[in-house]
PDB file of N, CA and C in Angstrom:
ATOM      1  N   MET A   1     156.399 -23.146  46.438  1.00  0.00           N
ATOM      2  CA  MET A   1     156.644 -22.734  45.075  1.00  0.00           C
ATOM      3  C   MET A   1     157.086 -23.953  44.271  1.00  0.00           C
ATOM      4  N   VAL A   2     156.529 -24.084  43.081  1.00  0.00           N
ATOM      5  CA  VAL A   2     156.822 -25.199  42.187  1.00  0.00           C
ATOM      6  C   VAL A   2     157.110 -24.623  40.808  1.00  0.00           C
ATOM      7  N   LEU A   3     158.106 -25.164  40.129  1.00  0.00           N
ATOM      8  CA  LEU A   3     158.368 -24.767  38.746  1.00  0.00           C
ATOM      9  C   LEU A   3     157.579 -25.679  37.822  1.00  0.00           C
ATOM     10  N   VAL A   4     156.832 -25.080  36.895  1.00  0.00           N
ATOM     11  CA  VAL A   4     156.085 -25.863  35.914  1.00  0.00           C
ATOM     12  C   VAL A   4     156.393 -25.346  34.517  1.00  0.00           C
ATOM     13  N   ARG A   5     156.318 -26.246  33.556  1.00  0.00           N
ATOM     14  CA  ARG A   5     156.473 -25.885  32.146  1.00  0.00           C
ATOM     15  C   ARG A   5     155.153 -26.201  31.456  1.00  0.00           C
ATOM     16  N   VAL A   6     154.718 -25.297  30.597  1.00  0.00           N
ATOM     17  CA  VAL A   6     153.501 -25.538  29.825  1.00  0.00           C
ATOM     18  C   VAL A   6     153.848 -26.566  28.753  1.00  0.00           C
ATOM     19  N   GLN A   7     153.257 -27.731  28.870  1.00  0.00           N
ATOM     20  CA  GLN A   7     153.534 -28.838  27.959  1.00  0.00           C
ATOM     21  C   GLN A   7     152.680 -28.747  26.690  1.00  0.00           C
ATOM     22  N   ARG A   8     151.399 -28.378  26.861  1.00  0.00           N
ATOM     23  CA  ARG A   8     150.491 -28.366  25.718  1.00  0.00           C
ATOM     24  C   ARG A   8     149.341 -27.401  25.986  1.00  0.00           C
ATOM     25  N   VAL A   9     148.928 -26.691  24.946  1.00  0.00           N
ATOM     26  CA  VAL A   9     147.728 -25.853  24.999  1.00  0.00           C
ATOM     27  C   VAL A   9     146.845 -26.296  23.836  1.00  0.00           C
ATOM     28  N   THR A  10     145.626 -26.713  24.170  1.00  0.00           N
ATOM     29  CA  THR A  10     144.705 -27.232  23.164  1.00  0.00           C
ATOM     30  C   THR A  10     143.401 -26.450  23.217  1.00  0.00           C
ATOM     31  N   GLY A  11     142.870 -26.113  22.068  1.00  0.00           N
ATOM     32  CA  GLY A  11     141.566 -25.465  22.019  1.00  0.00           C
ATOM     33  C   GLY A  11     140.456 -26.503  22.132  1.00  0.00           C
ATOM     34  N   TYR A  12     139.360 -26.134  22.771  1.00  0.00           N
ATOM     35  CA  TYR A  12     138.215 -27.035  22.869  1.00  0.00           C
ATOM     36  C   TYR A  12     136.944 -26.208  22.944  1.00  0.00           C
ATOM     37  N   THR A  13     135.822 -26.879  22.776  1.00  0.00           N
ATOM     38  CA  THR A  13     134.519 -26.235  22.904  1.00  0.00           C
ATOM     39  C   THR A  13     133.808 -26.845  24.097  1.00  0.00           C
ATOM     40  N   ASP A  14     133.354 -26.004  25.007  1.00  0.00           N
ATOM     41  CA  ASP A  14     132.637 -26.473  26.194  1.00  0.00           C
ATOM     42  C   ASP A  14     131.367 -27.191  25.741  1.00  0.00           C
ATOM     43  N   PRO A  15     131.176 -28.459  26.125  1.00  0.00           N
ATOM     44  CA  PRO A  15     130.025 -29.219  25.633  1.00  0.00           C
ATOM     45  C   PRO A  15     128.678 -28.692  26.131  1.00  0.00           C
ATOM     46  N   GLU A  16     128.649 -28.023  27.279  1.00  0.00           N
ATOM     47  CA  GLU A  16     127.384 -27.523  27.824  1.00  0.00           C
ATOM     48  C   GLU A  16     127.000 -26.161  27.258  1.00  0.00           C
ATOM     49  N   THR A  17     127.987 -25.280  27.125  1.00  0.00           N
ATOM     50  CA  THR A  17     127.689 -23.908  26.700  1.00  0.00           C
ATOM     51  C   THR A  17     128.079 -23.621  25.252  1.00  0.00           C
ATOM     52  N   ALA A  18     128.829 -24.528  24.642  1.00  0.00           N
ATOM     53  CA  ALA A  18     129.331 -24.368  23.269  1.00  0.00           C
ATOM     54  C   ALA A  18     130.264 -23.166  23.131  1.00  0.00           C
ATOM     55  N   ARG A  19     130.846 -22.716  24.248  1.00  0.00           N
ATOM     56  CA  ARG A  19     131.797 -21.600  24.216  1.00  0.00           C
ATOM     57  C   ARG A  19     133.214 -22.143  24.017  1.00  0.00           C
ATOM     58  N   PRO A  20     134.047 -21.415  23.277  1.00  0.00           N
ATOM     59  CA  PRO A  20     135.425 -21.871  23.075  1.00  0.00           C
ATOM     60  C   PRO A  20     136.241 -21.731  24.355  1.00  0.00           C
ATOM     61  N   GLY A  21     137.244 -22.595  24.464  1.00  0.00           N
ATOM     62  CA  GLY A  21     138.108 -22.536  25.634  1.00  0.00           C
ATOM     63  C   GLY A  21     139.461 -23.157  25.342  1.00  0.00           C
ATOM     64  N   LYS A  22     140.240 -23.332  26.396  1.00  0.00           N
ATOM     65  CA  LYS A  22     141.587 -23.889  26.265  1.00  0.00           C
ATOM     66  C   LYS A  22     141.808 -24.945  27.332  1.00  0.00           C
ATOM     67  N   ILE A  23     142.538 -25.987  26.960  1.00  0.00           N
ATOM     68  CA  ILE A  23     143.036 -26.971  27.915  1.00  0.00           C
ATOM     69  C   ILE A  23     144.536 -26.719  28.006  1.00  0.00           C
ATOM     70  N   ILE A  24     145.014 -26.396  29.201  1.00  0.00           N
ATOM     71  CA  ILE A  24     146.429 -26.073  29.401  1.00  0.00           C
ATOM     72  C   ILE A  24     147.029 -27.142  30.303  1.00  0.00           C
ATOM     73  N   GLU A  25     147.985 -27.901  29.765  1.00  0.00           N
ATOM     74  CA  GLU A  25     148.631 -28.974  30.516  1.00  0.00           C
ATOM     75  C   GLU A  25     150.013 -28.507  30.955  1.00  0.00           C
ATOM     76  N   MET A  26     150.281 -28.645  32.251  1.00  0.00           N
ATOM     77  CA  MET A  26     151.568 -28.234  32.812  1.00  0.00           C
ATOM     78  C   MET A  26     152.237 -29.414  33.496  1.00  0.00           C
ATOM     79  N   VAL A  27     153.560 -29.451  33.378  1.00  0.00           N
ATOM     80  CA  VAL A  27     154.344 -30.491  34.034  1.00  0.00           C
ATOM     81  C   VAL A  27     155.327 -29.830  34.986  1.00  0.00           C
ATOM     82  N   GLU A  28     155.608 -30.517  36.082  1.00  0.00           N
ATOM     83  CA  GLU A  28     156.592 -30.013  37.039  1.00  0.00           C
ATOM     84  C   GLU A  28     157.977 -30.255  36.477  1.00  0.00           C
ATOM     85  N   VAL A  29     158.845 -29.283  36.644  1.00  0.00           N
ATOM     86  CA  VAL A  29     160.217 -29.385  36.156  1.00  0.00           C
ATOM     87  C   VAL A  29     161.129 -29.571  37.352  1.00  0.00           C
ATOM     88  N   ARG A  30     161.861 -30.670  37.337  1.00  0.00           N
ATOM     89  CA  ARG A  30     162.850 -30.929  38.386  1.00  0.00           C
ATOM     90  C   ARG A  30     164.200 -31.121  37.718  1.00  0.00           C
ATOM     91  N   ARG A  31     165.157 -30.377  38.177  1.00  0.00           N
ATOM     92  CA  ARG A  31     166.518 -30.510  37.640  1.00  0.00           C
ATOM     93  C   ARG A  31     167.126 -31.798  38.166  1.00  0.00           C
ATOM     94  N   THR A  32     167.820 -32.513  37.276  1.00  0.00           N
ATOM     95  CA  THR A  32     168.499 -33.726  37.713  1.00  0.00           C
ATOM     96  C   THR A  32     169.932 -33.376  38.051  1.00  0.00           C
ATOM     97  N   GLY A  33     170.387 -33.847  39.179  1.00  0.00           N
ATOM     98  CA  GLY A  33     171.772 -33.642  39.578  1.00  0.00           C
ATOM     99  C   GLY A  33     172.538 -34.930  39.390  1.00  0.00           C
ATOM    100  N   LEU A  34     173.349 -34.979  38.365  1.00  0.00           N
ATOM    101  CA  LEU A  34     174.085 -36.193  38.068  1.00  0.00           C
ATOM    102  C   LEU A  34     175.471 -36.140  38.699  1.00  0.00           C
ATOM    103  N   SER A  35     175.510 -36.083  40.001  1.00  0.00           N
ATOM    104  CA  SER A  35     176.803 -36.089  40.670  1.00  0.00           C
ATOM    105  C   SER A  35     177.116 -37.518  41.084  1.00  0.00           C
ATOM    106  N   VAL A  36     178.279 -37.958  40.735  1.00  0.00           N
ATOM    107  CA  VAL A  36     178.698 -39.323  41.036  1.00  0.00           C
ATOM    108  C   VAL A  36     179.724 -39.272  42.150  1.00  0.00           C
ATOM    109  N   LYS A  37     179.456 -39.998  43.208  1.00  0.00           N
ATOM    110  CA  LYS A  37     180.377 -40.048  44.337  1.00  0.00           C
ATOM    111  C   LYS A  37     181.399 -41.145  44.063  1.00  0.00           C
ATOM    112  N   THR A  38     182.661 -40.758  43.939  1.00  0.00           N
ATOM    113  CA  THR A  38     183.689 -41.731  43.589  1.00  0.00           C
ATOM    114  C   THR A  38     184.588 -42.091  44.763  1.00  0.00           C
ATOM    115  N   SER A  39     184.440 -41.406  45.893  1.00  0.00           N
ATOM    116  CA  SER A  39     185.299 -41.738  47.030  1.00  0.00           C
ATOM    117  C   SER A  39     184.892 -43.088  47.606  1.00  0.00           C
ATOM    118  N   GLY A  40     185.863 -43.885  47.937  1.00  0.00           N
ATOM    119  CA  GLY A  40     185.596 -45.199  48.508  1.00  0.00           C
ATOM    120  C   GLY A  40     185.394 -46.280  47.460  1.00  0.00           C
ATOM    121  N   LEU A  41     185.446 -45.925  46.186  1.00  0.00           N
ATOM    122  CA  LEU A  41     185.286 -46.913  45.129  1.00  0.00           C
ATOM    123  C   LEU A  41     186.654 -47.287  44.585  1.00  0.00           C
ATOM    124  N   GLY A  42     186.738 -48.482  44.063  1.00  0.00           N
ATOM    125  CA  GLY A  42     187.992 -48.933  43.486  1.00  0.00           C
ATOM    126  C   GLY A  42     188.294 -48.236  42.180  1.00  0.00           C
ATOM    127  N   ASP A  43     189.557 -48.287  41.773  1.00  0.00           N
ATOM    128  CA  ASP A  43     189.970 -47.651  40.524  1.00  0.00           C
ATOM    129  C   ASP A  43     189.225 -48.225  39.321  1.00  0.00           C
ATOM    130  N   GLU A  44     188.993 -49.539  39.351  1.00  0.00           N
ATOM    131  CA  GLU A  44     188.297 -50.178  38.237  1.00  0.00           C
ATOM    132  C   GLU A  44     186.859 -49.663  38.124  1.00  0.00           C
ATOM    133  N   THR A  45     186.196 -49.486  39.263  1.00  0.00           N
ATOM    134  CA  THR A  45     184.813 -49.006  39.265  1.00  0.00           C
ATOM    135  C   THR A  45     184.731 -47.592  38.707  1.00  0.00           C
ATOM    136  N   VAL A  46     185.644 -46.736  39.139  1.00  0.00           N
ATOM    137  CA  VAL A  46     185.669 -45.356  38.652  1.00  0.00           C
ATOM    138  C   VAL A  46     185.934 -45.339  37.149  1.00  0.00           C
ATOM    139  N   MET A  47     186.849 -46.179  36.681  1.00  0.00           N
ATOM    140  CA  MET A  47     187.172 -46.241  35.262  1.00  0.00           C
ATOM    141  C   MET A  47     185.950 -46.697  34.447  1.00  0.00           C
ATOM    142  N   VAL A  48     185.210 -47.691  34.945  1.00  0.00           N
ATOM    143  CA  VAL A  48     184.018 -48.173  34.241  1.00  0.00           C
ATOM    144  C   VAL A  48     182.942 -47.086  34.208  1.00  0.00           C
ATOM    145  N   GLN A  49     182.755 -46.359  35.318  1.00  0.00           N
ATOM    146  CA  GLN A  49     181.771 -45.273  35.347  1.00  0.00           C
ATOM    147  C   GLN A  49     182.110 -44.203  34.319  1.00  0.00           C
ATOM    148  N   ARG A  50     183.357 -43.815  34.261  1.00  0.00           N
ATOM    149  CA  ARG A  50     183.780 -42.788  33.298  1.00  0.00           C
ATOM    150  C   ARG A  50     183.622 -43.283  31.866  1.00  0.00           C
ATOM    151  N   LEU A  51     183.919 -44.557  31.640  1.00  0.00           N
ATOM    152  CA  LEU A  51     183.771 -45.140  30.314  1.00  0.00           C
ATOM    153  C   LEU A  51     182.303 -45.122  29.881  1.00  0.00           C
ATOM    154  N   LEU A  52     181.393 -45.488  30.796  1.00  0.00           N
ATOM    155  CA  LEU A  52     179.962 -45.475  30.487  1.00  0.00           C
ATOM    156  C   LEU A  52     179.452 -44.052  30.255  1.00  0.00           C
ATOM    157  N   GLN A  53     179.918 -43.093  31.059  1.00  0.00           N
ATOM    158  CA  GLN A  53     179.514 -41.698  30.862  1.00  0.00           C
ATOM    159  C   GLN A  53     179.976 -41.187  29.501  1.00  0.00           C
ATOM    160  N   THR A  54     181.191 -41.531  29.125  1.00  0.00           N
ATOM    161  CA  THR A  54     181.720 -41.118  27.827  1.00  0.00           C
ATOM    162  C   THR A  54     180.919 -41.749  26.694  1.00  0.00           C
ATOM    163  N   ALA A  55     180.582 -43.026  26.834  1.00  0.00           N
ATOM    164  CA  ALA A  55     179.792 -43.709  25.803  1.00  0.00           C
ATOM    165  C   ALA A  55     178.410 -43.071  25.672  1.00  0.00           C
ATOM    166  N   MET A  56     177.770 -42.728  26.805  1.00  0.00           N
ATOM    167  CA  MET A  56     176.454 -42.081  26.753  1.00  0.00           C
ATOM    168  C   MET A  56     176.540 -40.719  26.078  1.00  0.00           C
ATOM    169  N   MET A  57     177.572 -39.940  26.411  1.00  0.00           N
ATOM    170  CA  MET A  57     177.734 -38.626  25.781  1.00  0.00           C
ATOM    171  C   MET A  57     177.951 -38.775  24.280  1.00  0.00           C
ATOM    172  N   GLN A  58     178.689 -39.800  23.881  1.00  0.00           N
ATOM    173  CA  GLN A  58     178.942 -40.048  22.462  1.00  0.00           C
ATOM    174  C   GLN A  58     177.635 -40.384  21.738  1.00  0.00           C
ATOM    175  N   LEU A  59     176.808 -41.261  22.343  1.00  0.00           N
ATOM    176  CA  LEU A  59     175.520 -41.617  21.748  1.00  0.00           C
ATOM    177  C   LEU A  59     174.598 -40.401  21.664  1.00  0.00           C
ATOM    178  N   GLN A  60     174.620 -39.543  22.686  1.00  0.00           N
ATOM    179  CA  GLN A  60     173.793 -38.339  22.676  1.00  0.00           C
ATOM    180  C   GLN A  60     174.251 -37.375  21.589  1.00  0.00           C
ATOM    181  N   SER A  61     175.560 -37.240  21.416  1.00  0.00           N
ATOM    182  CA  SER A  61     176.068 -36.317  20.399  1.00  0.00           C
ATOM    183  C   SER A  61     175.756 -36.805  18.987  1.00  0.00           C
ATOM    184  N   MET A  62     175.593 -38.131  18.816  1.00  0.00           N
ATOM    185  CA  MET A  62     175.243 -38.689  17.511  1.00  0.00           C
ATOM    186  C   MET A  62     173.731 -38.693  17.285  1.00  0.00           C
ATOM    187  N   GLY A  63     172.962 -38.282  18.306  1.00  0.00           N
ATOM    188  CA  GLY A  63     171.511 -38.239  18.164  1.00  0.00           C
ATOM    189  C   GLY A  63     170.827 -39.566  18.387  1.00  0.00           C
ATOM    190  N   LEU A  64     171.558 -40.547  18.897  1.00  0.00           N
ATOM    191  CA  LEU A  64     170.973 -41.870  19.127  1.00  0.00           C
ATOM    192  C   LEU A  64     170.327 -41.998  20.501  1.00  0.00           C
ATOM    193  N   MET A  65     170.577 -41.042  21.362  1.00  0.00           N
ATOM    194  CA  MET A  65     170.011 -41.066  22.708  1.00  0.00           C
ATOM    195  C   MET A  65     169.641 -39.637  23.074  1.00  0.00           C
ATOM    196  N   PRO A  66     168.425 -39.420  23.594  1.00  0.00           N
ATOM    197  CA  PRO A  66     168.025 -38.042  23.919  1.00  0.00           C
ATOM    198  C   PRO A  66     168.823 -37.471  25.081  1.00  0.00           C
ATOM    199  N   ILE A  67     169.049 -36.163  25.013  1.00  0.00           N
ATOM    200  CA  ILE A  67     169.723 -35.463  26.096  1.00  0.00           C
ATOM    201  C   ILE A  67     168.651 -34.982  27.054  1.00  0.00           C
ATOM    202  N   SER A  68     168.688 -35.458  28.277  1.00  0.00           N
ATOM    203  CA  SER A  68     167.660 -35.098  29.249  1.00  0.00           C
ATOM    204  C   SER A  68     168.316 -34.511  30.487  1.00  0.00           C
ATOM    205  N   ARG A  69     168.054 -33.233  30.717  1.00  0.00           N
ATOM    206  CA  ARG A  69     168.591 -32.577  31.903  1.00  0.00           C
ATOM    207  C   ARG A  69     167.503 -32.340  32.936  1.00  0.00           C
ATOM    208  N   GLU A  70     166.256 -32.639  32.560  1.00  0.00           N
ATOM    209  CA  GLU A  70     165.135 -32.393  33.456  1.00  0.00           C
ATOM    210  C   GLU A  70     164.242 -33.621  33.508  1.00  0.00           C
ATOM    211  N   MET A  71     163.603 -33.803  34.648  1.00  0.00           N
ATOM    212  CA  MET A  71     162.598 -34.842  34.782  1.00  0.00           C
ATOM    213  C   MET A  71     161.244 -34.145  34.796  1.00  0.00           C
ATOM    214  N   LEU A  72     160.285 -34.667  34.051  1.00  0.00           N
ATOM    215  CA  LEU A  72     158.977 -34.032  33.937  1.00  0.00           C
ATOM    216  C   LEU A  72     157.916 -34.889  34.615  1.00  0.00           C
ATOM    217  N   PHE A  73     157.077 -34.255  35.430  1.00  0.00           N
ATOM    218  CA  PHE A  73     156.005 -34.931  36.135  1.00  0.00           C
ATOM    219  C   PHE A  73     154.714 -34.163  35.896  1.00  0.00           C
ATOM    220  N   PRO A  74     153.624 -34.828  35.454  1.00  0.00           N
ATOM    221  CA  PRO A  74     152.351 -34.123  35.271  1.00  0.00           C
ATOM    222  C   PRO A  74     151.959 -33.409  36.557  1.00  0.00           C
ATOM    223  N   LYS A  75     151.507 -32.160  36.452  1.00  0.00           N
ATOM    224  CA  LYS A  75     151.220 -31.379  37.654  1.00  0.00           C
ATOM    225  C   LYS A  75     149.835 -30.751  37.631  1.00  0.00           C
ATOM    226  N   ILE A  76     149.521 -29.939  36.614  1.00  0.00           N
ATOM    227  CA  ILE A  76     148.269 -29.186  36.591  1.00  0.00           C
ATOM    228  C   ILE A  76     147.668 -29.252  35.186  1.00  0.00           C
ATOM    229  N   VAL A  77     146.359 -29.468  35.117  1.00  0.00           N
ATOM    230  CA  VAL A  77     145.623 -29.349  33.859  1.00  0.00           C
ATOM    231  C   VAL A  77     144.489 -28.361  34.101  1.00  0.00           C
ATOM    232  N   LEU A  78     144.464 -27.283  33.322  1.00  0.00           N
ATOM    233  CA  LEU A  78     143.419 -26.260  33.449  1.00  0.00           C
ATOM    234  C   LEU A  78     142.465 -26.354  32.262  1.00  0.00           C
ATOM    235  N   TYR A  79     141.175 -26.352  32.548  1.00  0.00           N
ATOM    236  CA  TYR A  79     140.133 -26.264  31.528  1.00  0.00           C
ATOM    237  C   TYR A  79     139.501 -24.891  31.694  1.00  0.00           C
ATOM    238  N   LEU A  80     139.814 -23.979  30.793  1.00  0.00           N
ATOM    239  CA  LEU A  80     139.361 -22.594  30.932  1.00  0.00           C
ATOM    240  C   LEU A  80     138.605 -22.144  29.695  1.00  0.00           C
ATOM    241  N   THR A  81     137.543 -21.356  29.907  1.00  0.00           N
ATOM    242  CA  THR A  81     136.915 -20.672  28.778  1.00  0.00           C
ATOM    243  C   THR A  81     137.837 -19.519  28.392  1.00  0.00           C
ATOM    244  N   GLU A  82     137.606 -18.943  27.239  1.00  0.00           N
ATOM    245  CA  GLU A  82     138.429 -17.808  26.806  1.00  0.00           C
ATOM    246  C   GLU A  82     138.343 -16.656  27.807  1.00  0.00           C
ATOM    247  N   GLU A  83     137.162 -16.432  28.375  1.00  0.00           N
ATOM    248  CA  GLU A  83     136.989 -15.357  29.356  1.00  0.00           C
ATOM    249  C   GLU A  83     137.796 -15.645  30.626  1.00  0.00           C
ATOM    250  N   GLU A  84     137.758 -16.891  31.081  1.00  0.00           N
ATOM    251  CA  GLU A  84     138.520 -17.260  32.280  1.00  0.00           C
ATOM    252  C   GLU A  84     140.019 -17.127  32.033  1.00  0.00           C
ATOM    253  N   TYR A  85     140.457 -17.510  30.830  1.00  0.00           N
ATOM    254  CA  TYR A  85     141.871 -17.386  30.479  1.00  0.00           C
ATOM    255  C   TYR A  85     142.297 -15.919  30.500  1.00  0.00           C
ATOM    256  N   ASP A  86     141.446 -15.035  29.984  1.00  0.00           N
ATOM    257  CA  ASP A  86     141.748 -13.602  30.001  1.00  0.00           C
ATOM    258  C   ASP A  86     141.804 -13.069  31.430  1.00  0.00           C
ATOM    259  N   LEU A  87     140.900 -13.550  32.297  1.00  0.00           N
ATOM    260  CA  LEU A  87     140.887 -13.117  33.699  1.00  0.00           C
ATOM    261  C   LEU A  87     142.113 -13.607  34.466  1.00  0.00           C
ATOM    262  N   LEU A  88     142.716 -14.695  34.000  1.00  0.00           N
ATOM    263  CA  LEU A  88     143.925 -15.219  34.641  1.00  0.00           C
ATOM    264  C   LEU A  88     145.049 -14.190  34.575  1.00  0.00           C
ATOM    265  N   ASN A  89     145.065 -13.383  33.514  1.00  0.00           N
ATOM    266  CA  ASN A  89     146.015 -12.285  33.338  1.00  0.00           C
ATOM    267  C   ASN A  89     147.469 -12.750  33.231  1.00  0.00           C
ATOM    268  N   VAL A  90     147.661 -13.990  32.789  1.00  0.00           N
ATOM    269  CA  VAL A  90     148.996 -14.523  32.517  1.00  0.00           C
ATOM    270  C   VAL A  90     148.898 -15.253  31.188  1.00  0.00           C
ATOM    271  N   LYS A  91     149.754 -14.887  30.247  1.00  0.00           N
ATOM    272  CA  LYS A  91     149.737 -15.562  28.953  1.00  0.00           C
ATOM    273  C   LYS A  91     150.619 -16.805  29.053  1.00  0.00           C
ATOM    274  N   LEU A  92     149.986 -17.968  29.132  1.00  0.00           N
ATOM    275  CA  LEU A  92     150.709 -19.233  29.293  1.00  0.00           C
ATOM    276  C   LEU A  92     151.099 -19.768  27.919  1.00  0.00           C
ATOM    277  N   GLU A  93     152.394 -19.752  27.634  1.00  0.00           N
ATOM    278  CA  GLU A  93     152.917 -20.174  26.337  1.00  0.00           C
ATOM    279  C   GLU A  93     153.574 -21.545  26.458  1.00  0.00           C
ATOM    280  N   VAL A  94     153.457 -22.354  25.411  1.00  0.00           N
ATOM    281  CA  VAL A  94     154.061 -23.685  25.390  1.00  0.00           C
ATOM    282  C   VAL A  94     155.576 -23.566  25.544  1.00  0.00           C
ATOM    283  N   ASN A  95     156.151 -24.453  26.346  1.00  0.00           N
ATOM    284  CA  ASN A  95     157.587 -24.553  26.650  1.00  0.00           C
ATOM    285  C   ASN A  95     158.106 -23.448  27.555  1.00  0.00           C
ATOM    286  N   GLU A  96     157.254 -22.550  28.004  1.00  0.00           N
ATOM    287  CA  GLU A  96     157.683 -21.524  28.953  1.00  0.00           C
ATOM    288  C   GLU A  96     157.566 -22.073  30.371  1.00  0.00           C
ATOM    289  N   VAL A  97     158.471 -21.630  31.244  1.00  0.00           N
ATOM    290  CA  VAL A  97     158.503 -22.088  32.636  1.00  0.00           C
ATOM    291  C   VAL A  97     157.926 -20.994  33.527  1.00  0.00           C
ATOM    292  N   TYR A  98     157.108 -21.406  34.479  1.00  0.00           N
ATOM    293  CA  TYR A  98     156.461 -20.484  35.414  1.00  0.00           C
ATOM    294  C   TYR A  98     156.620 -21.006  36.830  1.00  0.00           C
ATOM    295  N   GLU A  99     156.631 -20.086  37.789  1.00  0.00           N
ATOM    296  CA  GLU A  99     156.572 -20.454  39.202  1.00  0.00           C
ATOM    297  C   GLU A  99     155.103 -20.497  39.593  1.00  0.00           C
ATOM    298  N   VAL A 100     154.708 -21.551  40.274  1.00  0.00           N
ATOM    299  CA  VAL A 100     153.340 -21.653  40.776  1.00  0.00           C
ATOM    300  C   VAL A 100     153.423 -21.671  42.289  1.00  0.00           C
ATOM    301  N   SER A 101     152.702 -20.746  42.933  1.00  0.00           N
ATOM    302  CA  SER A 101     152.669 -20.731  44.400  1.00  0.00           C
ATOM    303  C   SER A 101     151.238 -20.939  44.866  1.00  0.00           C
ATOM    304  N   PHE A 102     151.119 -21.676  45.955  1.00  0.00           N
ATOM    305  CA  PHE A 102     149.831 -21.974  46.567  1.00  0.00           C
ATOM    306  C   PHE A 102     149.822 -21.322  47.943  1.00  0.00           C
ATOM    307  N   LYS A 103     148.881 -20.383  48.165  1.00  0.00           N
ATOM    308  CA  LYS A 103     148.836 -19.699  49.452  1.00  0.00           C
ATOM    309  C   LYS A 103     147.429 -19.188  49.716  1.00  0.00           C
ATOM    310  N   ASP A 104     146.924 -19.456  50.892  1.00  0.00           N
ATOM    311  CA  ASP A 104     145.617 -18.957  51.335  1.00  0.00           C
ATOM    312  C   ASP A 104     144.505 -19.254  50.330  1.00  0.00           C
ATOM    313  N   GLY A 105     144.497 -20.463  49.786  1.00  0.00           N
ATOM    314  CA  GLY A 105     143.436 -20.852  48.861  1.00  0.00           C
ATOM    315  C   GLY A 105     143.569 -20.274  47.470  1.00  0.00           C
ATOM    316  N   GLN A 106     144.718 -19.701  47.142  1.00  0.00           N
ATOM    317  CA  GLN A 106     144.929 -19.110  45.823  1.00  0.00           C
ATOM    318  C   GLN A 106     146.094 -19.790  45.123  1.00  0.00           C
ATOM    319  N   ILE A 107     146.015 -19.818  43.807  1.00  0.00           N
ATOM    320  CA  ILE A 107     147.107 -20.321  42.976  1.00  0.00           C
ATOM    321  C   ILE A 107     147.617 -19.138  42.164  1.00  0.00           C
ATOM    322  N   ALA A 108     148.915 -18.845  42.286  1.00  0.00           N
ATOM    323  CA  ALA A 108     149.494 -17.696  41.581  1.00  0.00           C
ATOM    324  C   ALA A 108     150.571 -18.171  40.608  1.00  0.00           C
ATOM    325  N   PHE A 109     150.527 -17.650  39.380  1.00  0.00           N
ATOM    326  CA  PHE A 109     151.522 -17.939  38.356  1.00  0.00           C
ATOM    327  C   PHE A 109     152.408 -16.712  38.190  1.00  0.00           C
ATOM    328  N   SER A 110     153.730 -16.936  38.101  1.00  0.00           N
ATOM    329  CA  SER A 110     154.640 -15.824  37.838  1.00  0.00           C
ATOM    330  C   SER A 110     155.843 -16.344  37.068  1.00  0.00           C
ATOM    331  N   ARG A 111     156.553 -15.419  36.440  1.00  0.00           N
ATOM    332  CA  ARG A 111     157.770 -15.787  35.713  1.00  0.00           C
ATOM    333  C   ARG A 111     158.903 -15.939  36.715  1.00  0.00           C
ATOM    334  N   PRO A 112     159.688 -17.018  36.629  1.00  0.00           N
ATOM    335  CA  PRO A 112     160.792 -17.194  37.571  1.00  0.00           C
ATOM    336  C   PRO A 112     161.905 -16.188  37.318  1.00  0.00           C
ATOM    337  N   VAL A 113     162.571 -15.802  38.380  1.00  0.00           N
ATOM    338  CA  VAL A 113     163.677 -14.854  38.295  1.00  0.00           C
ATOM    339  C   VAL A 113     164.982 -15.641  38.332  1.00  0.00           C
ATOM    340  N   GLY A 114     165.886 -15.335  37.413  1.00  0.00           N
ATOM    341  CA  GLY A 114     167.208 -15.950  37.426  1.00  0.00           C
ATOM    342  C   GLY A 114     167.246 -17.365  36.905  1.00  0.00           C
ATOM    343  N   LEU A 115     166.271 -17.766  36.102  1.00  0.00           N
ATOM    344  CA  LEU A 115     166.282 -19.108  35.525  1.00  0.00           C
ATOM    345  C   LEU A 115     166.952 -19.021  34.177  1.00  0.00           C
ATOM    346  N   GLY A 116     167.985 -19.825  33.973  1.00  0.00           N
ATOM    347  CA  GLY A 116     168.672 -19.716  32.712  1.00  0.00           C
ATOM    348  C   GLY A 116     169.131 -20.929  32.169  1.00  0.00           C
TER     349      GLY A 116
END
């Protein structure tokens, strides 16, 4: 199971059949764990780490540095005709997160439970 976020949905026309379709770009979502291990470090090192963390939070609160809690990695790009998109039976919306499972030659999309 992999968590993906729909990054972009673009309309296109199939060059061979001239039928309308969609390009759906998905990125893998990985939560970043910013846990800092301070045991075994000197007092000066811990103080500098806290000072840098405070400075970064200050810059983020002023809008000078983006707040990033997730790392994004390109994962899946689907090129679907409108009919294929309808057969998928999942409405893939931009910025929505989905669970993708791979099993027995099938790819299944579902809404994650307990993601908040």
